[in-house]
PDB file of N, CA and C in Angstrom:
ATOM      1  N   MET A   1      32.454  46.883  18.345  1.00  0.00           N
ATOM      2  CA  MET A   1      31.754  46.552  16.950  1.00  0.00           C
ATOM      3  C   MET A   1      30.891  45.196  17.353  1.00  0.00           C
ATOM      4  N   ALA A   2      29.742  45.096  17.005  1.00  0.00           N
ATOM      5  CA  ALA A   2      28.838  43.962  16.903  1.00  0.00           C
ATOM      6  C   ALA A   2      29.126  43.268  15.409  1.00  0.00           C
ATOM      7  N   THR A   3      29.084  41.740  15.943  1.00  0.00           N
ATOM      8  CA  THR A   3      29.340  40.901  14.733  1.00  0.00           C
ATOM      9  C   THR A   3      27.999  40.270  14.245  1.00  0.00           C
ATOM     10  N   ARG A   4      27.736  40.026  13.159  1.00  0.00           N
ATOM     11  CA  ARG A   4      26.659  39.407  12.522  1.00  0.00           C
ATOM     12  C   ARG A   4      26.737  37.933  12.711  1.00  0.00           C
ATOM     13  N   LYS A   5      25.734  37.314  13.236  1.00  0.00           N
ATOM     14  CA  LYS A   5      26.012  35.510  13.264  1.00  0.00           C
ATOM     15  C   LYS A   5      25.714  35.090  11.805  1.00  0.00           C
ATOM     16  N   ARG A   6      26.369  34.301  11.360  1.00  0.00           N
ATOM     17  CA  ARG A   6      26.159  33.488  10.079  1.00  0.00           C
ATOM     18  C   ARG A   6      25.255  32.452  10.181  1.00  0.00           C
ATOM     19  N   LYS A   7      24.404  32.321   9.389  1.00  0.00           N
ATOM     20  CA  LYS A   7      23.585  31.309   9.201  1.00  0.00           C
ATOM     21  C   LYS A   7      24.204  30.051   8.677  1.00  0.00           C
ATOM     22  N   VAL A   8      24.003  28.815   9.285  1.00  0.00           N
ATOM     23  CA  VAL A   8      24.702  27.716   9.114  1.00  0.00           C
ATOM     24  C   VAL A   8      23.908  26.844   7.894  1.00  0.00           C
ATOM     25  N   GLU A   9      24.533  26.298   6.769  1.00  0.00           N
ATOM     26  CA  GLU A   9      23.733  25.833   5.877  1.00  0.00           C
ATOM     27  C   GLU A   9      23.521  24.608   6.204  1.00  0.00           C
ATOM     28  N   THR A  10      22.036  24.047   6.430  1.00  0.00           N
ATOM     29  CA  THR A  10      21.570  22.519   6.590  1.00  0.00           C
ATOM     30  C   THR A  10      21.154  22.216   5.336  1.00  0.00           C
ATOM     31  N   GLU A  11      21.059  20.693   5.452  1.00  0.00           N
ATOM     32  CA  GLU A  11      20.132  19.993   4.290  1.00  0.00           C
ATOM     33  C   GLU A  11      18.774  20.178   4.648  1.00  0.00           C
ATOM     34  N   GLU A  12      18.287  20.318   3.661  1.00  0.00           N
ATOM     35  CA  GLU A  12      16.521  20.721   3.710  1.00  0.00           C
ATOM     36  C   GLU A  12      15.805  19.114   4.064  1.00  0.00           C
ATOM     37  N   THR A  13      15.022  19.031   4.788  1.00  0.00           N
ATOM     38  CA  THR A  13      14.729  18.103   5.012  1.00  0.00           C
ATOM     39  C   THR A  13      13.204  18.021   4.208  1.00  0.00           C
ATOM     40  N   VAL A  14      13.320  16.453   3.407  1.00  0.00           N
ATOM     41  CA  VAL A  14      12.158  16.439   2.374  1.00  0.00           C
ATOM     42  C   VAL A  14      10.723  15.757   3.235  1.00  0.00           C
ATOM     43  N   ILE A  15       9.734  16.200   2.885  1.00  0.00           N
ATOM     44  CA  ILE A  15       8.968  16.082   3.766  1.00  0.00           C
ATOM     45  C   ILE A  15       8.330  14.580   2.963  1.00  0.00           C
ATOM     46  N   ALA A  16       8.574  13.434   3.439  1.00  0.00           N
ATOM     47  CA  ALA A  16       7.915  12.198   2.890  1.00  0.00           C
ATOM     48  C   ALA A  16       7.934  11.202   4.107  1.00  0.00           C
ATOM     49  N   CYS A  17       7.215  10.252   3.840  1.00  0.00           N
ATOM     50  CA  CYS A  17       7.081   9.290   4.925  1.00  0.00           C
ATOM     51  C   CYS A  17       8.286   8.544   5.676  1.00  0.00           C
ATOM     52  N   GLU A  18       9.226   8.796   4.445  1.00  0.00           N
ATOM     53  CA  GLU A  18      10.342   8.032   5.108  1.00  0.00           C
ATOM     54  C   GLU A  18      11.277   8.584   6.175  1.00  0.00           C
ATOM     55  N   ASN A  19      10.901  10.039   5.978  1.00  0.00           N
ATOM     56  CA  ASN A  19      11.597  11.245   7.132  1.00  0.00           C
ATOM     57  C   ASN A  19      10.697  11.592   8.147  1.00  0.00           C
ATOM     58  N   CYS A  20       9.456  10.912   8.390  1.00  0.00           N
ATOM     59  CA  CYS A  20       8.662  11.167   9.222  1.00  0.00           C
ATOM     60  C   CYS A  20       8.897  10.201  10.339  1.00  0.00           C
ATOM     61  N   ARG A  21       8.660  10.671  11.863  1.00  0.00           N
ATOM     62  CA  ARG A  21       9.027   9.979  12.955  1.00  0.00           C
ATOM     63  C   ARG A  21       7.912   8.841  13.245  1.00  0.00           C
ATOM     64  N   TYR A  22       6.946   8.751  12.528  1.00  0.00           N
ATOM     65  CA  TYR A  22       5.697   7.512  12.326  1.00  0.00           C
ATOM     66  C   TYR A  22       6.199   6.484  11.518  1.00  0.00           C
ATOM     67  N   PHE A  23       7.030   6.673  11.015  1.00  0.00           N
ATOM     68  CA  PHE A  23       7.661   5.770   9.639  1.00  0.00           C
ATOM     69  C   PHE A  23       8.144   4.489  10.113  1.00  0.00           C
ATOM     70  N   LYS A  24       7.663   3.304  10.032  1.00  0.00           N
ATOM     71  CA  LYS A  24       8.329   2.071  10.589  1.00  0.00           C
ATOM     72  C   LYS A  24       8.691   1.293   9.471  1.00  0.00           C
ATOM     73  N   PRO A  25       9.788   0.968   8.813  1.00  0.00           N
ATOM     74  CA  PRO A  25      10.288   0.141   7.531  1.00  0.00           C
ATOM     75  C   PRO A  25      10.283  -1.209   8.160  1.00  0.00           C
ATOM     76  N   LEU A  26       9.593  -2.021   7.432  1.00  0.00           N
ATOM     77  CA  LEU A  26       9.685  -3.675   7.807  1.00  0.00           C
ATOM     78  C   LEU A  26       9.826  -4.196   6.591  1.00  0.00           C
ATOM     79  N   GLU A  27       9.960  -5.617   6.957  1.00  0.00           N
ATOM     80  CA  GLU A  27      10.849  -6.554   5.628  1.00  0.00           C
ATOM     81  C   GLU A  27       9.344  -6.568   4.539  1.00  0.00           C
ATOM     82  N   GLY A  28       9.440  -5.937   3.377  1.00  0.00           N
ATOM     83  CA  GLY A  28       8.754  -5.935   2.644  1.00  0.00           C
ATOM     84  C   GLY A  28       7.554  -5.099   2.202  1.00  0.00           C
ATOM     85  N   ARG A  29       7.130  -4.216   3.674  1.00  0.00           N
ATOM     86  CA  ARG A  29       6.331  -3.250   3.954  1.00  0.00           C
ATOM     87  C   ARG A  29       6.457  -2.223   4.553  1.00  0.00           C
ATOM     88  N   ASN A  30       6.147  -1.113   4.630  1.00  0.00           N
ATOM     89  CA  ASN A  30       6.328   0.009   5.218  1.00  0.00           C
ATOM     90  C   ASN A  30       4.878   0.608   6.075  1.00  0.00           C
ATOM     91  N   GLU A  31       5.064   0.910   7.240  1.00  0.00           N
ATOM     92  CA  GLU A  31       3.964   1.011   8.169  1.00  0.00           C
ATOM     93  C   GLU A  31       3.841   2.553   8.751  1.00  0.00           C
ATOM     94  N   CYS A  32       2.721   3.065   8.659  1.00  0.00           N
ATOM     95  CA  CYS A  32       2.591   4.063   9.411  1.00  0.00           C
ATOM     96  C   CYS A  32       1.929   3.967  10.829  1.00  0.00           C
ATOM     97  N   ARG A  33       2.840   4.463  11.976  1.00  0.00           N
ATOM     98  CA  ARG A  33       2.733   4.121  13.268  1.00  0.00           C
ATOM     99  C   ARG A  33       1.808   5.581  13.916  1.00  0.00           C
ATOM    100  N   ARG A  34       1.502   6.522  13.126  1.00  0.00           N
ATOM    101  CA  ARG A  34       0.759   7.604  13.729  1.00  0.00           C
ATOM    102  C   ARG A  34      -0.226   7.331  14.938  1.00  0.00           C
ATOM    103  N   ASN A  35      -0.947   6.464  14.286  1.00  0.00           N
ATOM    104  CA  ASN A  35      -2.752   5.982  14.925  1.00  0.00           C
ATOM    105  C   ASN A  35      -2.480   4.454  15.135  1.00  0.00           C
ATOM    106  N   PRO A  36      -3.237   3.978  16.205  1.00  0.00           N
ATOM    107  CA  PRO A  36      -3.478   2.373  16.525  1.00  0.00           C
ATOM    108  C   PRO A  36      -3.708   1.858  15.171  1.00  0.00           C
ATOM    109  N   PRO A  37      -3.636   0.410  15.166  1.00  0.00           N
ATOM    110  CA  PRO A  37      -3.938  -0.235  14.178  1.00  0.00           C
ATOM    111  C   PRO A  37      -5.542  -0.434  13.933  1.00  0.00           C
ATOM    112  N   SER A  38      -5.639  -0.586  12.400  1.00  0.00           N
ATOM    113  CA  SER A  38      -7.018  -0.522  12.322  1.00  0.00           C
ATOM    114  C   SER A  38      -7.550  -2.004  12.171  1.00  0.00           C
ATOM    115  N   VAL A  39      -8.816  -2.552  12.426  1.00  0.00           N
ATOM    116  CA  VAL A  39      -9.389  -3.650  12.004  1.00  0.00           C
ATOM    117  C   VAL A  39      -9.202  -4.231  10.304  1.00  0.00           C
ATOM    118  N   ALA A  40      -8.839  -5.013  10.156  1.00  0.00           N
ATOM    119  CA  ALA A  40      -8.489  -5.801   8.616  1.00  0.00           C
ATOM    120  C   ALA A  40      -9.234  -6.783   8.568  1.00  0.00           C
ATOM    121  N   VAL A  41      -9.897  -7.110   7.399  1.00  0.00           N
ATOM    122  CA  VAL A  41     -10.868  -8.421   7.091  1.00  0.00           C
ATOM    123  C   VAL A  41      -9.937  -8.815   5.988  1.00  0.00           C
ATOM    124  N   ASP A  42      -9.620 -10.344   6.273  1.00  0.00           N
ATOM    125  CA  ASP A  42      -9.012 -11.184   4.996  1.00  0.00           C
ATOM    126  C   ASP A  42     -10.402 -11.608   4.476  1.00  0.00           C
ATOM    127  N   PHE A  43     -10.434 -11.244   3.108  1.00  0.00           N
ATOM    128  CA  PHE A  43     -11.913 -11.810   2.336  1.00  0.00           C
ATOM    129  C   PHE A  43     -11.585 -13.408   1.726  1.00  0.00           C
ATOM    130  N   GLU A  44     -10.415 -13.649   1.702  1.00  0.00           N
ATOM    131  CA  GLU A  44     -10.183 -14.865   1.570  1.00  0.00           C
ATOM    132  C   GLU A  44     -10.639 -16.160   2.326  1.00  0.00           C
ATOM    133  N   ASP A  45     -10.230 -16.024   3.477  1.00  0.00           N
ATOM    134  CA  ASP A  45     -10.629 -16.878   4.717  1.00  0.00           C
ATOM    135  C   ASP A  45     -11.751 -16.204   5.769  1.00  0.00           C
ATOM    136  N   GLY A  46     -11.973 -15.090   5.622  1.00  0.00           N
ATOM    137  CA  GLY A  46     -12.934 -14.255   6.683  1.00  0.00           C
ATOM    138  C   GLY A  46     -12.244 -13.989   7.686  1.00  0.00           C
ATOM    139  N   GLY A  47     -11.162 -14.397   7.888  1.00  0.00           N
ATOM    140  CA  GLY A  47     -10.644 -14.044   9.500  1.00  0.00           C
ATOM    141  C   GLY A  47     -10.269 -12.554   9.388  1.00  0.00           C
ATOM    142  N   VAL A  48     -10.139 -12.100  10.890  1.00  0.00           N
ATOM    143  CA  VAL A  48      -9.994 -10.555  11.069  1.00  0.00           C
ATOM    144  C   VAL A  48      -8.646 -10.461  11.981  1.00  0.00           C
ATOM    145  N   THR A  49      -8.204  -9.547  11.359  1.00  0.00           N
ATOM    146  CA  THR A  49      -6.716  -9.166  11.864  1.00  0.00           C
ATOM    147  C   THR A  49      -6.726  -7.471  12.249  1.00  0.00           C
ATOM    148  N   SER A  50      -5.563  -7.065  12.982  1.00  0.00           N
ATOM    149  CA  SER A  50      -5.569  -5.632  12.923  1.00  0.00           C
ATOM    150  C   SER A  50      -4.196  -5.284  12.219  1.00  0.00           C
ATOM    151  N   MET A  51      -4.202  -4.048  11.752  1.00  0.00           N
ATOM    152  CA  MET A  51      -2.720  -3.585  11.055  1.00  0.00           C
ATOM    153  C   MET A  51      -2.518  -2.104  11.119  1.00  0.00           C
ATOM    154  N   PHE A  52      -1.417  -1.511  11.125  1.00  0.00           N
ATOM    155  CA  PHE A  52      -1.092  -0.480  10.701  1.00  0.00           C
ATOM    156  C   PHE A  52      -1.392  -0.168   9.095  1.00  0.00           C
ATOM    157  N   PRO A  53      -1.778   1.037   8.803  1.00  0.00           N
ATOM    158  CA  PRO A  53      -1.860   1.690   7.233  1.00  0.00           C
ATOM    159  C   PRO A  53      -0.437   1.312   6.820  1.00  0.00           C
ATOM    160  N   LEU A  54      -0.258   0.917   5.360  1.00  0.00           N
ATOM    161  CA  LEU A  54       0.710   0.766   4.621  1.00  0.00           C
ATOM    162  C   LEU A  54       1.049   1.771   3.872  1.00  0.00           C
ATOM    163  N   VAL A  55       2.273   2.371   3.750  1.00  0.00           N
ATOM    164  CA  VAL A  55       2.473   3.383   3.177  1.00  0.00           C
ATOM    165  C   VAL A  55       3.800   3.538   2.229  1.00  0.00           C
ATOM    166  N   ASP A  56       3.818   4.215   0.972  1.00  0.00           N
ATOM    167  CA  ASP A  56       5.270   4.176   0.475  1.00  0.00           C
ATOM    168  C   ASP A  56       5.766   5.135   1.109  1.00  0.00           C
ATOM    169  N   ALA A  57       7.465   5.021   0.809  1.00  0.00           N
ATOM    170  CA  ALA A  57       8.465   5.838   1.423  1.00  0.00           C
ATOM    171  C   ALA A  57       8.272   7.209   1.174  1.00  0.00           C
ATOM    172  N   GLY A  58       7.666   7.325  -0.291  1.00  0.00           N
ATOM    173  CA  GLY A  58       7.903   8.819  -0.864  1.00  0.00           C
ATOM    174  C   GLY A  58       6.523   9.501  -0.642  1.00  0.00           C
ATOM    175  N   GLU A  59       5.472   8.984  -0.043  1.00  0.00           N
ATOM    176  CA  GLU A  59       4.019   9.721   0.294  1.00  0.00           C
ATOM    177  C   GLU A  59       4.676  10.758   1.503  1.00  0.00           C
ATOM    178  N   TRP A  60       3.307  11.353   1.934  1.00  0.00           N
ATOM    179  CA  TRP A  60       3.206  12.222   2.799  1.00  0.00           C
ATOM    180  C   TRP A  60       1.831  12.416   3.404  1.00  0.00           C
ATOM    181  N   CYS A  61       1.669  13.031   4.514  1.00  0.00           N
ATOM    182  CA  CYS A  61       0.044  13.471   4.932  1.00  0.00           C
ATOM    183  C   CYS A  61       0.252  14.613   5.657  1.00  0.00           C
ATOM    184  N   GLY A  62      -0.749  15.107   6.292  1.00  0.00           N
ATOM    185  CA  GLY A  62      -0.924  16.307   6.989  1.00  0.00           C
ATOM    186  C   GLY A  62      -0.342  16.148   8.369  1.00  0.00           C
ATOM    187  N   CYS A  63      -0.262  14.635   8.919  1.00  0.00           N
ATOM    188  CA  CYS A  63       0.325  14.459  10.192  1.00  0.00           C
ATOM    189  C   CYS A  63       1.849  14.201  10.086  1.00  0.00           C
ATOM    190  N   TRP A  64       2.535  14.529   9.037  1.00  0.00           N
ATOM    191  CA  TRP A  64       3.756  14.497   8.909  1.00  0.00           C
ATOM    192  C   TRP A  64       4.714  15.162   9.851  1.00  0.00           C
ATOM    193  N   ALA A  65       5.511  14.584  10.683  1.00  0.00           N
ATOM    194  CA  ALA A  65       6.336  15.198  11.696  1.00  0.00           C
ATOM    195  C   ALA A  65       7.825  14.739  11.547  1.00  0.00           C
ATOM    196  N   PRO A  66       8.761  15.563  11.549  1.00  0.00           N
ATOM    197  CA  PRO A  66      10.266  15.308  11.520  1.00  0.00           C
ATOM    198  C   PRO A  66      10.691  14.313  12.258  1.00  0.00           C
ATOM    199  N   LYS A  67      11.562  13.323  11.790  1.00  0.00           N
ATOM    200  CA  LYS A  67      12.333  12.381  13.032  1.00  0.00           C
ATOM    201  C   LYS A  67      13.017  12.814  14.336  1.00  0.00           C
ATOM    202  N   LEU A  68      13.078  12.453  15.292  1.00  0.00           N
ATOM    203  CA  LEU A  68      13.384  13.099  16.590  1.00  0.00           C
ATOM    204  C   LEU A  68      14.894  12.744  16.075  1.00  0.00           C
ATOM    205  N   ASN A  69      15.853  13.343  16.723  1.00  0.00           N
ATOM    206  CA  ASN A  69      17.309  13.111  17.060  1.00  0.00           C
ATOM    207  C   ASN A  69      17.431  12.387  18.308  1.00  0.00           C
ATOM    208  N   SER A  70      17.858  11.131  18.132  1.00  0.00           N
ATOM    209  CA  SER A  70      17.803  10.187  19.183  1.00  0.00           C
ATOM    210  C   SER A  70      19.084   9.411  18.954  1.00  0.00           C
TER     211      SER A  70
END
């Protein structure tokens, strides 16, 4: 007699930046590391720097991917 495999209940992953493999939490800000940094201009002193996009933990986008198990 064949037995039916039971589905194991797992927690459902919430699609949000904080659960994305590209999310990098830092002191005082959260960065998205999906793409290379972009050029940013400081309008106060005219300086130029590069930075990753800043995101809120609860946001998400079309490039969202679950964190890798490592």
